[in-house]
PDB file of N, CA and C in Angstrom:
ATOM      1  N   MET A   1       1.258  -1.114   0.016  1.00  0.00           N
ATOM      2  CA  MET A   1       0.157   0.271   0.456  1.00  0.00           C
ATOM      3  C   MET A   1       1.139   1.299   0.125  1.00  0.00           C
ATOM      4  N   LYS A   2       0.531   2.312  -0.759  1.00  0.00           N
ATOM      5  CA  LYS A   2       1.505   3.383  -0.951  1.00  0.00           C
ATOM      6  C   LYS A   2       1.117   4.209   0.247  1.00  0.00           C
ATOM      7  N   HIS A   3       1.912   5.066   0.930  1.00  0.00           N
ATOM      8  CA  HIS A   3       2.109   6.007   1.634  1.00  0.00           C
ATOM      9  C   HIS A   3       0.783   6.920   2.078  1.00  0.00           C
ATOM     10  N   ARG A   4       0.378   7.342   0.582  1.00  0.00           N
ATOM     11  CA  ARG A   4      -0.753   8.337   0.510  1.00  0.00           C
ATOM     12  C   ARG A   4      -2.021   7.725   1.003  1.00  0.00           C
ATOM     13  N   HIS A   5      -1.895   6.518   0.108  1.00  0.00           N
ATOM     14  CA  HIS A   5      -3.598   5.756   0.704  1.00  0.00           C
ATOM     15  C   HIS A   5      -3.748   5.126   2.004  1.00  0.00           C
ATOM     16  N   SER A   6      -2.904   5.256   2.739  1.00  0.00           N
ATOM     17  CA  SER A   6      -2.846   4.544   4.287  1.00  0.00           C
ATOM     18  C   SER A   6      -3.044   5.704   5.067  1.00  0.00           C
ATOM     19  N   VAL A   7      -2.642   7.174   4.677  1.00  0.00           N
ATOM     20  CA  VAL A   7      -2.872   8.765   5.439  1.00  0.00           C
ATOM     21  C   VAL A   7      -4.424   8.728   5.432  1.00  0.00           C
ATOM     22  N   ALA A   8      -5.152   8.440   3.955  1.00  0.00           N
ATOM     23  CA  ALA A   8      -6.216   8.306   3.213  1.00  0.00           C
ATOM     24  C   ALA A   8      -7.508   7.747   4.754  1.00  0.00           C
ATOM     25  N   LEU A   9      -6.554   6.444   4.759  1.00  0.00           N
ATOM     26  CA  LEU A   9      -7.565   5.675   5.526  1.00  0.00           C
ATOM     27  C   LEU A   9      -7.540   5.858   7.058  1.00  0.00           C
ATOM     28  N   ALA A  10      -6.469   6.610   7.669  1.00  0.00           N
ATOM     29  CA  ALA A  10      -6.049   7.118   8.784  1.00  0.00           C
ATOM     30  C   ALA A  10      -6.821   8.110   8.686  1.00  0.00           C
ATOM     31  N   LEU A  11      -7.390   9.022   8.338  1.00  0.00           N
ATOM     32  CA  LEU A  11      -8.492   9.966   8.257  1.00  0.00           C
ATOM     33  C   LEU A  11     -10.143   9.898   8.090  1.00  0.00           C
ATOM     34  N   VAL A  12     -10.051   8.158   8.231  1.00  0.00           N
ATOM     35  CA  VAL A  12     -11.806   7.756   8.006  1.00  0.00           C
ATOM     36  C   VAL A  12     -12.150   7.925   9.552  1.00  0.00           C
ATOM     37  N   GLY A  13     -13.740   8.375  10.238  1.00  0.00           N
ATOM     38  CA  GLY A  13     -13.202   8.156  11.219  1.00  0.00           C
ATOM     39  C   GLY A  13     -15.405   7.579  11.402  1.00  0.00           C
ATOM     40  N   TRP A  14     -15.769   7.419  12.541  1.00  0.00           N
ATOM     41  CA  TRP A  14     -17.040   6.958  12.101  1.00  0.00           C
ATOM     42  C   TRP A  14     -18.267   7.379  13.042  1.00  0.00           C
ATOM     43  N   TYR A  15     -19.386   7.447  12.738  1.00  0.00           N
ATOM     44  CA  TYR A  15     -20.440   8.360  13.365  1.00  0.00           C
ATOM     45  C   TYR A  15     -21.056   7.110  13.512  1.00  0.00           C
ATOM     46  N   LEU A  16     -21.964   7.607  14.769  1.00  0.00           N
ATOM     47  CA  LEU A  16     -22.910   6.894  15.410  1.00  0.00           C
ATOM     48  C   LEU A  16     -23.907   7.045  15.103  1.00  0.00           C
ATOM     49  N   MET A  17     -25.340   6.899  14.226  1.00  0.00           N
ATOM     50  CA  MET A  17     -26.115   7.802  13.650  1.00  0.00           C
ATOM     51  C   MET A  17     -27.340   7.340  13.686  1.00  0.00           C
ATOM     52  N   ALA A  18     -28.716   7.716  13.642  1.00  0.00           N
ATOM     53  CA  ALA A  18     -29.876   7.158  13.601  1.00  0.00           C
ATOM     54  C   ALA A  18     -30.724   8.108  13.010  1.00  0.00           C
ATOM     55  N   PRO A  19     -32.239   7.656  12.712  1.00  0.00           N
ATOM     56  CA  PRO A  19     -32.820   8.492  11.898  1.00  0.00           C
ATOM     57  C   PRO A  19     -33.431   9.856  13.376  1.00  0.00           C
ATOM     58  N   PRO A  20     -34.256  10.922  12.300  1.00  0.00           N
ATOM     59  CA  PRO A  20     -34.516  11.332  13.293  1.00  0.00           C
ATOM     60  C   PRO A  20     -35.798  11.357  13.973  1.00  0.00           C
ATOM     61  N   VAL A  21     -35.746  12.524  15.088  1.00  0.00           N
ATOM     62  CA  VAL A  21     -37.433  12.244  16.077  1.00  0.00           C
ATOM     63  C   VAL A  21     -37.807  13.033  15.156  1.00  0.00           C
ATOM     64  N   ARG A  22     -38.763  13.262  14.728  1.00  0.00           N
ATOM     65  CA  ARG A  22     -39.287  14.756  13.917  1.00  0.00           C
ATOM     66  C   ARG A  22     -40.639  15.313  14.912  1.00  0.00           C
ATOM     67  N   GLN A  23     -41.120  15.798  15.030  1.00  0.00           N
ATOM     68  CA  GLN A  23     -41.924  16.413  16.062  1.00  0.00           C
ATOM     69  C   GLN A  23     -42.942  17.241  14.910  1.00  0.00           C
ATOM     70  N   PRO A  24     -44.207  16.581  15.217  1.00  0.00           N
ATOM     71  CA  PRO A  24     -45.545  17.041  14.474  1.00  0.00           C
ATOM     72  C   PRO A  24     -45.629  18.229  14.626  1.00  0.00           C
ATOM     73  N   ARG A  25     -46.061  18.767  13.707  1.00  0.00           N
ATOM     74  CA  ARG A  25     -46.957  20.557  13.377  1.00  0.00           C
ATOM     75  C   ARG A  25     -47.780  20.586  14.505  1.00  0.00           C
ATOM     76  N   ASN A  26     -48.820  19.723  14.470  1.00  0.00           N
ATOM     77  CA  ASN A  26     -49.833  19.280  15.367  1.00  0.00           C
ATOM     78  C   ASN A  26     -49.166  19.054  16.795  1.00  0.00           C
ATOM     79  N   GLU A  27     -49.587  20.055  17.551  1.00  0.00           N
ATOM     80  CA  GLU A  27     -49.385  19.968  18.806  1.00  0.00           C
ATOM     81  C   GLU A  27     -49.715  18.584  19.774  1.00  0.00           C
ATOM     82  N   ASN A  28     -50.982  18.041  18.777  1.00  0.00           N
ATOM     83  CA  ASN A  28     -51.626  16.862  20.073  1.00  0.00           C
ATOM     84  C   ASN A  28     -50.998  15.882  19.568  1.00  0.00           C
ATOM     85  N   ASP A  29     -50.162  15.629  18.275  1.00  0.00           N
ATOM     86  CA  ASP A  29     -49.472  14.546  17.788  1.00  0.00           C
ATOM     87  C   ASP A  29     -48.270  14.351  18.884  1.00  0.00           C
ATOM     88  N   GLU A  30     -48.204  12.962  18.803  1.00  0.00           N
ATOM     89  CA  GLU A  30     -46.705  12.691  19.707  1.00  0.00           C
ATOM     90  C   GLU A  30     -45.403  12.826  18.943  1.00  0.00           C
ATOM     91  N   PRO A  31     -44.702  12.804  18.980  1.00  0.00           N
ATOM     92  CA  PRO A  31     -43.056  13.048  18.429  1.00  0.00           C
ATOM     93  C   PRO A  31     -43.117  11.447  17.878  1.00  0.00           C
ATOM     94  N   TYR A  32     -42.657  11.229  16.635  1.00  0.00           N
ATOM     95  CA  TYR A  32     -42.085  10.034  16.087  1.00  0.00           C
ATOM     96  C   TYR A  32     -40.728  10.112  15.517  1.00  0.00           C
ATOM     97  N   LEU A  33     -40.216   8.389  15.014  1.00  0.00           N
ATOM     98  CA  LEU A  33     -39.185   8.323  14.458  1.00  0.00           C
ATOM     99  C   LEU A  33     -39.471   8.455  13.167  1.00  0.00           C
ATOM    100  N   ASP A  34     -38.615   9.421  12.114  1.00  0.00           N
ATOM    101  CA  ASP A  34     -38.581   9.520  10.604  1.00  0.00           C
ATOM    102  C   ASP A  34     -37.534   8.157   9.915  1.00  0.00           C
ATOM    103  N   GLN A  35     -38.486   6.658   9.727  1.00  0.00           N
ATOM    104  CA  GLN A  35     -37.229   5.830   9.476  1.00  0.00           C
ATOM    105  C   GLN A  35     -37.155   5.668   8.097  1.00  0.00           C
ATOM    106  N   HIS A  36     -37.817   6.963   7.346  1.00  0.00           N
ATOM    107  CA  HIS A  36     -37.833   6.889   5.929  1.00  0.00           C
ATOM    108  C   HIS A  36     -36.959   7.959   5.553  1.00  0.00           C
ATOM    109  N   ALA A  37     -36.123   8.936   6.512  1.00  0.00           N
ATOM    110  CA  ALA A  37     -35.282  10.277   6.308  1.00  0.00           C
ATOM    111  C   ALA A  37     -33.612   9.634   5.450  1.00  0.00           C
ATOM    112  N   ALA A  38     -33.391  10.186   4.687  1.00  0.00           N
ATOM    113  CA  ALA A  38     -32.112  10.015   3.938  1.00  0.00           C
ATOM    114  C   ALA A  38     -31.160   9.840   4.787  1.00  0.00           C
ATOM    115  N   TYR A  39     -29.613   9.393   4.771  1.00  0.00           N
ATOM    116  CA  TYR A  39     -28.634   9.043   5.651  1.00  0.00           C
ATOM    117  C   TYR A  39     -28.517  10.872   6.048  1.00  0.00           C
ATOM    118  N   ARG A  40     -27.957  11.245   5.133  1.00  0.00           N
ATOM    119  CA  ARG A  40     -27.893  12.853   5.271  1.00  0.00           C
ATOM    120  C   ARG A  40     -28.534  13.751   6.386  1.00  0.00           C
ATOM    121  N   ASP A  41     -29.851  12.987   6.594  1.00  0.00           N
ATOM    122  CA  ASP A  41     -30.612  13.781   7.439  1.00  0.00           C
ATOM    123  C   ASP A  41     -30.758  12.992   8.746  1.00  0.00           C
ATOM    124  N   TRP A  42     -30.123  11.915   8.985  1.00  0.00           N
ATOM    125  CA  TRP A  42     -30.072  11.224  10.477  1.00  0.00           C
ATOM    126  C   TRP A  42     -29.065  12.336  11.290  1.00  0.00           C
ATOM    127  N   GLU A  43     -29.417  12.004  12.357  1.00  0.00           N
ATOM    128  CA  GLU A  43     -28.753  12.591  13.689  1.00  0.00           C
ATOM    129  C   GLU A  43     -27.615  12.218  14.124  1.00  0.00           C
ATOM    130  N   LYS A  44     -26.395  12.825  13.899  1.00  0.00           N
ATOM    131  CA  LYS A  44     -24.972  12.134  14.662  1.00  0.00           C
ATOM    132  C   LYS A  44     -25.092  12.153  16.162  1.00  0.00           C
ATOM    133  N   MET A  45     -24.956  10.854  16.503  1.00  0.00           N
ATOM    134  CA  MET A  45     -25.039  10.535  18.056  1.00  0.00           C
ATOM    135  C   MET A  45     -24.219  10.569  18.838  1.00  0.00           C
ATOM    136  N   HIS A  46     -23.236   9.979  17.807  1.00  0.00           N
ATOM    137  CA  HIS A  46     -21.407  10.161  18.950  1.00  0.00           C
ATOM    138  C   HIS A  46     -20.248  10.085  17.713  1.00  0.00           C
ATOM    139  N   THR A  47     -18.773  10.681  17.302  1.00  0.00           N
ATOM    140  CA  THR A  47     -18.254  10.156  16.444  1.00  0.00           C
ATOM    141  C   THR A  47     -17.257   9.464  17.194  1.00  0.00           C
ATOM    142  N   PHE A  48     -16.618   8.566  16.374  1.00  0.00           N
ATOM    143  CA  PHE A  48     -15.077   7.352  16.787  1.00  0.00           C
ATOM    144  C   PHE A  48     -14.266   7.610  16.216  1.00  0.00           C
ATOM    145  N   LYS A  49     -13.399   7.290  16.607  1.00  0.00           N
ATOM    146  CA  LYS A  49     -12.311   6.635  15.567  1.00  0.00           C
ATOM    147  C   LYS A  49     -12.278   5.580  14.761  1.00  0.00           C
ATOM    148  N   THR A  50     -12.387   4.714  15.342  1.00  0.00           N
ATOM    149  CA  THR A  50     -12.480   3.210  14.945  1.00  0.00           C
ATOM    150  C   THR A  50     -14.058   3.216  14.615  1.00  0.00           C
ATOM    151  N   ARG A  51     -14.034   1.767  13.761  1.00  0.00           N
ATOM    152  CA  ARG A  51     -14.957   0.421  13.208  1.00  0.00           C
ATOM    153  C   ARG A  51     -15.878   0.516  14.786  1.00  0.00           C
ATOM    154  N   ASN A  52     -14.730  -0.414  15.248  1.00  0.00           N
ATOM    155  CA  ASN A  52     -14.916  -1.293  16.439  1.00  0.00           C
ATOM    156  C   ASN A  52     -15.412  -0.101  17.563  1.00  0.00           C
ATOM    157  N   GLU A  53     -15.172   1.164  17.922  1.00  0.00           N
ATOM    158  CA  GLU A  53     -15.251   1.551  19.219  1.00  0.00           C
ATOM    159  C   GLU A  53     -16.648   1.785  18.860  1.00  0.00           C
ATOM    160  N   CYS A  54     -17.165   2.389  17.404  1.00  0.00           N
ATOM    161  CA  CYS A  54     -18.652   2.574  16.826  1.00  0.00           C
ATOM    162  C   CYS A  54     -19.372   1.569  17.158  1.00  0.00           C
ATOM    163  N   GLU A  55     -19.247   0.049  17.004  1.00  0.00           N
ATOM    164  CA  GLU A  55     -19.874  -0.168  16.903  1.00  0.00           C
ATOM    165  C   GLU A  55     -20.278  -1.291  18.866  1.00  0.00           C
ATOM    166  N   ALA A  56     -19.300  -0.797  19.614  1.00  0.00           N
ATOM    167  CA  ALA A  56     -19.039  -0.973  20.793  1.00  0.00           C
ATOM    168  C   ALA A  56     -20.179   0.154  21.052  1.00  0.00           C
ATOM    169  N   GLY A  57     -19.965   1.308  20.888  1.00  0.00           N
ATOM    170  CA  GLY A  57     -21.169   2.101  21.135  1.00  0.00           C
ATOM    171  C   GLY A  57     -22.380   2.157  20.576  1.00  0.00           C
ATOM    172  N   GLN A  58     -22.653   1.312  19.478  1.00  0.00           N
ATOM    173  CA  GLN A  58     -23.688   1.109  19.214  1.00  0.00           C
ATOM    174  C   GLN A  58     -24.431  -0.104  19.987  1.00  0.00           C
ATOM    175  N   ARG A  59     -23.619  -0.952  20.660  1.00  0.00           N
ATOM    176  CA  ARG A  59     -24.221  -2.000  21.545  1.00  0.00           C
ATOM    177  C   ARG A  59     -24.630  -1.449  22.634  1.00  0.00           C
ATOM    178  N   ARG A  60     -24.163  -0.731  23.007  1.00  0.00           N
ATOM    179  CA  ARG A  60     -24.373  -0.045  23.925  1.00  0.00           C
ATOM    180  C   ARG A  60     -25.752   1.487  24.578  1.00  0.00           C
ATOM    181  N   VAL A  61     -25.711   1.990  23.199  1.00  0.00           N
ATOM    182  CA  VAL A  61     -27.507   2.150  23.020  1.00  0.00           C
ATOM    183  C   VAL A  61     -27.851   1.518  22.836  1.00  0.00           C
ATOM    184  N   THR A  62     -28.061   0.537  22.456  1.00  0.00           N
ATOM    185  CA  THR A  62     -29.061  -0.555  22.054  1.00  0.00           C
ATOM    186  C   THR A  62     -29.157  -1.333  23.367  1.00  0.00           C
ATOM    187  N   ASP A  63     -28.480  -1.826  24.055  1.00  0.00           N
ATOM    188  CA  ASP A  63     -28.448  -1.885  25.244  1.00  0.00           C
ATOM    189  C   ASP A  63     -29.290  -1.189  26.788  1.00  0.00           C
ATOM    190  N   ASP A  64     -28.900   0.198  26.407  1.00  0.00           N
ATOM    191  CA  ASP A  64     -29.203   1.176  26.921  1.00  0.00           C
ATOM    192  C   ASP A  64     -31.162   1.285  26.567  1.00  0.00           C
ATOM    193  N   ALA A  65     -31.267   1.181  24.799  1.00  0.00           N
ATOM    194  CA  ALA A  65     -32.431   0.916  24.702  1.00  0.00           C
ATOM    195  C   ALA A  65     -33.556   0.029  25.500  1.00  0.00           C
ATOM    196  N   ILE A  66     -33.484  -1.092  25.723  1.00  0.00           N
ATOM    197  CA  ILE A  66     -33.987  -2.083  25.616  1.00  0.00           C
ATOM    198  C   ILE A  66     -34.223  -2.269  27.258  1.00  0.00           C
ATOM    199  N   THR A  67     -33.246  -1.391  27.759  1.00  0.00           N
ATOM    200  CA  THR A  67     -33.294  -0.955  29.310  1.00  0.00           C
ATOM    201  C   THR A  67     -34.313   0.204  29.681  1.00  0.00           C
ATOM    202  N   GLY A  68     -34.670   0.810  28.827  1.00  0.00           N
ATOM    203  CA  GLY A  68     -35.305   1.872  29.047  1.00  0.00           C
ATOM    204  C   GLY A  68     -34.550   3.513  29.159  1.00  0.00           C
ATOM    205  N   LYS A  69     -33.598   2.934  29.119  1.00  0.00           N
ATOM    206  CA  LYS A  69     -32.441   4.290  29.134  1.00  0.00           C
ATOM    207  C   LYS A  69     -32.428   4.816  27.780  1.00  0.00           C
ATOM    208  N   LEU A  70     -32.172   6.428  28.066  1.00  0.00           N
ATOM    209  CA  LEU A  70     -31.694   6.928  26.772  1.00  0.00           C
ATOM    210  C   LEU A  70     -30.017   7.054  27.156  1.00  0.00           C
ATOM    211  N   THR A  71     -29.245   7.122  25.758  1.00  0.00           N
ATOM    212  CA  THR A  71     -27.726   7.080  26.405  1.00  0.00           C
ATOM    213  C   THR A  71     -27.215   8.737  25.855  1.00  0.00           C
ATOM    214  N   SER A  72     -26.013   9.159  26.793  1.00  0.00           N
ATOM    215  CA  SER A  72     -25.640  10.217  26.544  1.00  0.00           C
ATOM    216  C   SER A  72     -24.174  10.139  26.520  1.00  0.00           C
ATOM    217  N   PHE A  73     -23.237  10.805  25.376  1.00  0.00           N
ATOM    218  CA  PHE A  73     -22.133   9.871  24.983  1.00  0.00           C
ATOM    219  C   PHE A  73     -21.288  11.561  26.031  1.00  0.00           C
ATOM    220  N   SER A  74     -22.081  12.614  26.147  1.00  0.00           N
ATOM    221  CA  SER A  74     -20.985  13.547  26.579  1.00  0.00           C
ATOM    222  C   SER A  74     -20.497  13.098  27.604  1.00  0.00           C
ATOM    223  N   GLY A  75     -21.538  13.225  28.996  1.00  0.00           N
ATOM    224  CA  GLY A  75     -20.918  12.982  29.874  1.00  0.00           C
ATOM    225  C   GLY A  75     -21.055  10.558  30.549  1.00  0.00           C
ATOM    226  N   GLY A  76     -20.786  10.375  28.914  1.00  0.00           N
ATOM    227  CA  GLY A  76     -20.819   9.020  29.597  1.00  0.00           C
ATOM    228  C   GLY A  76     -22.017   8.670  30.244  1.00  0.00           C
ATOM    229  N   SER A  77     -23.075   8.830  30.610  1.00  0.00           N
ATOM    230  CA  SER A  77     -24.291   8.177  31.537  1.00  0.00           C
ATOM    231  C   SER A  77     -25.595   8.160  30.647  1.00  0.00           C
ATOM    232  N   SER A  78     -26.554   7.756  31.274  1.00  0.00           N
ATOM    233  CA  SER A  78     -27.769   7.485  30.820  1.00  0.00           C
ATOM    234  C   SER A  78     -29.151   8.749  31.289  1.00  0.00           C
ATOM    235  N   PHE A  79     -29.841   8.820  30.941  1.00  0.00           N
ATOM    236  CA  PHE A  79     -31.125   9.550  31.665  1.00  0.00           C
ATOM    237  C   PHE A  79     -32.289   8.948  31.209  1.00  0.00           C
ATOM    238  N   VAL A  80     -33.333   9.624  31.677  1.00  0.00           N
ATOM    239  CA  VAL A  80     -34.257   9.184  31.379  1.00  0.00           C
ATOM    240  C   VAL A  80     -35.145  10.539  30.803  1.00  0.00           C
ATOM    241  N   LEU A  81     -36.408  10.266  30.060  1.00  0.00           N
ATOM    242  CA  LEU A  81     -36.684  11.971  29.865  1.00  0.00           C
ATOM    243  C   LEU A  81     -38.014  11.508  31.083  1.00  0.00           C
ATOM    244  N   ASP A  82     -38.772  13.198  30.987  1.00  0.00           N
ATOM    245  CA  ASP A  82     -40.217  13.136  31.542  1.00  0.00           C
ATOM    246  C   ASP A  82     -41.318  12.593  30.709  1.00  0.00           C
ATOM    247  N   GLU A  83     -40.854  12.857  29.481  1.00  0.00           N
ATOM    248  CA  GLU A  83     -42.309  12.566  28.763  1.00  0.00           C
ATOM    249  C   GLU A  83     -42.158  11.266  28.123  1.00  0.00           C
ATOM    250  N   ASP A  84     -42.598  10.945  27.393  1.00  0.00           N
ATOM    251  CA  ASP A  84     -42.364   9.247  26.704  1.00  0.00           C
ATOM    252  C   ASP A  84     -41.450   9.225  25.964  1.00  0.00           C
ATOM    253  N   PRO A  85     -40.315   8.779  26.306  1.00  0.00           N
ATOM    254  CA  PRO A  85     -39.262   8.463  25.839  1.00  0.00           C
ATOM    255  C   PRO A  85     -39.238   7.306  24.411  1.00  0.00           C
ATOM    256  N   LYS A  86     -40.024   7.026  24.080  1.00  0.00           N
ATOM    257  CA  LYS A  86     -40.483   5.546  23.027  1.00  0.00           C
ATOM    258  C   LYS A  86     -39.547   6.179  21.607  1.00  0.00           C
ATOM    259  N   PRO A  87     -39.751   7.004  20.805  1.00  0.00           N
ATOM    260  CA  PRO A  87     -39.481   7.489  19.476  1.00  0.00           C
ATOM    261  C   PRO A  87     -37.429   7.459  20.286  1.00  0.00           C
ATOM    262  N   TRP A  88     -37.331   8.031  21.028  1.00  0.00           N
ATOM    263  CA  TRP A  88     -35.844   7.840  21.175  1.00  0.00           C
ATOM    264  C   TRP A  88     -35.302   6.882  21.557  1.00  0.00           C
ATOM    265  N   LEU A  89     -36.174   5.885  22.121  1.00  0.00           N
ATOM    266  CA  LEU A  89     -35.501   4.457  22.808  1.00  0.00           C
ATOM    267  C   LEU A  89     -35.823   3.721  21.264  1.00  0.00           C
ATOM    268  N   GLU A  90     -36.382   4.091  20.597  1.00  0.00           N
ATOM    269  CA  GLU A  90     -36.572   3.484  18.881  1.00  0.00           C
ATOM    270  C   GLU A  90     -35.558   3.988  18.051  1.00  0.00           C
ATOM    271  N   GLN A  91     -35.271   5.019  18.233  1.00  0.00           N
ATOM    272  CA  GLN A  91     -33.831   5.531  17.469  1.00  0.00           C
ATOM    273  C   GLN A  91     -32.841   5.239  18.389  1.00  0.00           C
ATOM    274  N   GLN A  92     -32.113   5.211  18.875  1.00  0.00           N
ATOM    275  CA  GLN A  92     -31.040   4.223  19.716  1.00  0.00           C
ATOM    276  C   GLN A  92     -31.167   2.629  19.155  1.00  0.00           C
ATOM    277  N   THR A  93     -32.033   2.501  19.144  1.00  0.00           N
ATOM    278  CA  THR A  93     -31.901   0.753  18.360  1.00  0.00           C
ATOM    279  C   THR A  93     -32.329   0.575  16.870  1.00  0.00           C
ATOM    280  N   GLU A  94     -32.128   1.799  16.313  1.00  0.00           N
ATOM    281  CA  GLU A  94     -32.080   1.902  14.854  1.00  0.00           C
ATOM    282  C   GLU A  94     -31.030   2.760  14.594  1.00  0.00           C
ATOM    283  N   ALA A  95     -30.171   2.495  15.583  1.00  0.00           N
ATOM    284  CA  ALA A  95     -28.580   3.700  15.323  1.00  0.00           C
ATOM    285  C   ALA A  95     -27.588   2.616  14.653  1.00  0.00           C
ATOM    286  N   GLU A  96     -26.504   3.439  12.871  1.00  0.00           N
ATOM    287  CA  GLU A  96     -25.756   2.372  12.566  1.00  0.00           C
ATOM    288  C   GLU A  96     -24.276   3.004  12.445  1.00  0.00           C
ATOM    289  N   CYS A  97     -23.457   2.443  12.237  1.00  0.00           N
ATOM    290  CA  CYS A  97     -22.091   3.345  12.457  1.00  0.00           C
ATOM    291  C   CYS A  97     -21.715   3.480  10.986  1.00  0.00           C
ATOM    292  N   ILE A  98     -21.319   4.501  10.591  1.00  0.00           N
ATOM    293  CA  ILE A  98     -21.534   4.711   9.331  1.00  0.00           C
ATOM    294  C   ILE A  98     -19.997   5.766   9.376  1.00  0.00           C
ATOM    295  N   ALA A  99     -18.985   5.558   8.133  1.00  0.00           N
ATOM    296  CA  ALA A  99     -18.168   6.497   7.866  1.00  0.00           C
ATOM    297  C   ALA A  99     -18.543   7.380   7.225  1.00  0.00           C
ATOM    298  N   THR A 100     -17.439   8.460   8.097  1.00  0.00           N
ATOM    299  CA  THR A 100     -17.362   9.759   8.058  1.00  0.00           C
ATOM    300  C   THR A 100     -17.397  10.244   6.768  1.00  0.00           C
ATOM    301  N   ASP A 101     -16.574   9.220   5.270  1.00  0.00           N
ATOM    302  CA  ASP A 101     -16.231  10.028   3.818  1.00  0.00           C
ATOM    303  C   ASP A 101     -18.032   9.057   3.254  1.00  0.00           C
ATOM    304  N   ASP A 102     -18.850   8.363   3.555  1.00  0.00           N
ATOM    305  CA  ASP A 102     -19.745   7.993   3.271  1.00  0.00           C
ATOM    306  C   ASP A 102     -20.412   9.035   2.459  1.00  0.00           C
ATOM    307  N   PRO A 103     -20.836   8.633   1.102  1.00  0.00           N
ATOM    308  CA  PRO A 103     -21.095   9.134  -0.227  1.00  0.00           C
ATOM    309  C   PRO A 103     -22.395   9.603   0.307  1.00  0.00           C
ATOM    310  N   SER A 104     -23.560   8.710   0.646  1.00  0.00           N
ATOM    311  CA  SER A 104     -24.792   8.975   1.342  1.00  0.00           C
ATOM    312  C   SER A 104     -24.904   9.884   2.067  1.00  0.00           C
ATOM    313  N   LEU A 105     -23.691  10.542   3.168  1.00  0.00           N
ATOM    314  CA  LEU A 105     -23.955  11.495   3.830  1.00  0.00           C
ATOM    315  C   LEU A 105     -23.842  13.029   3.023  1.00  0.00           C
ATOM    316  N   LYS A 106     -23.615  12.870   1.857  1.00  0.00           N
ATOM    317  CA  LYS A 106     -23.180  14.472   1.171  1.00  0.00           C
ATOM    318  C   LYS A 106     -24.730  15.043   0.726  1.00  0.00           C
ATOM    319  N   GLU A 107     -24.607  16.247   1.049  1.00  0.00           N
ATOM    320  CA  GLU A 107     -25.959  16.868   0.269  1.00  0.00           C
ATOM    321  C   GLU A 107     -26.296  16.415  -1.208  1.00  0.00           C
ATOM    322  N   LYS A 108     -26.953  16.532  -1.796  1.00  0.00           N
ATOM    323  CA  LYS A 108     -27.597  16.232  -3.196  1.00  0.00           C
ATOM    324  C   LYS A 108     -27.543  18.043  -3.976  1.00  0.00           C
TER     325      LYS A 108
END
């Protein structure tokens, strides 16, 4: 492998991303997970240096969601919402690891 190729590979990071939770215009409707959103509209939950680290983060958010906890990467702890956390828990179970240079993240 040429040196310039190894440098390019080293610059690739990983995003843990999930479909967005949408707030309906009608205040009587509940927030919902937009499972049809394009990857470029997904929310970045956290950035990792390696795929293995991202996959460990993905397992963490999935495990937290199963136990009813919302994951916060900033402080490393989990938290519980005062309102119905269902769409955010569902968001965590749908999280995926996506390379930072993935073309599907680019604006059209």
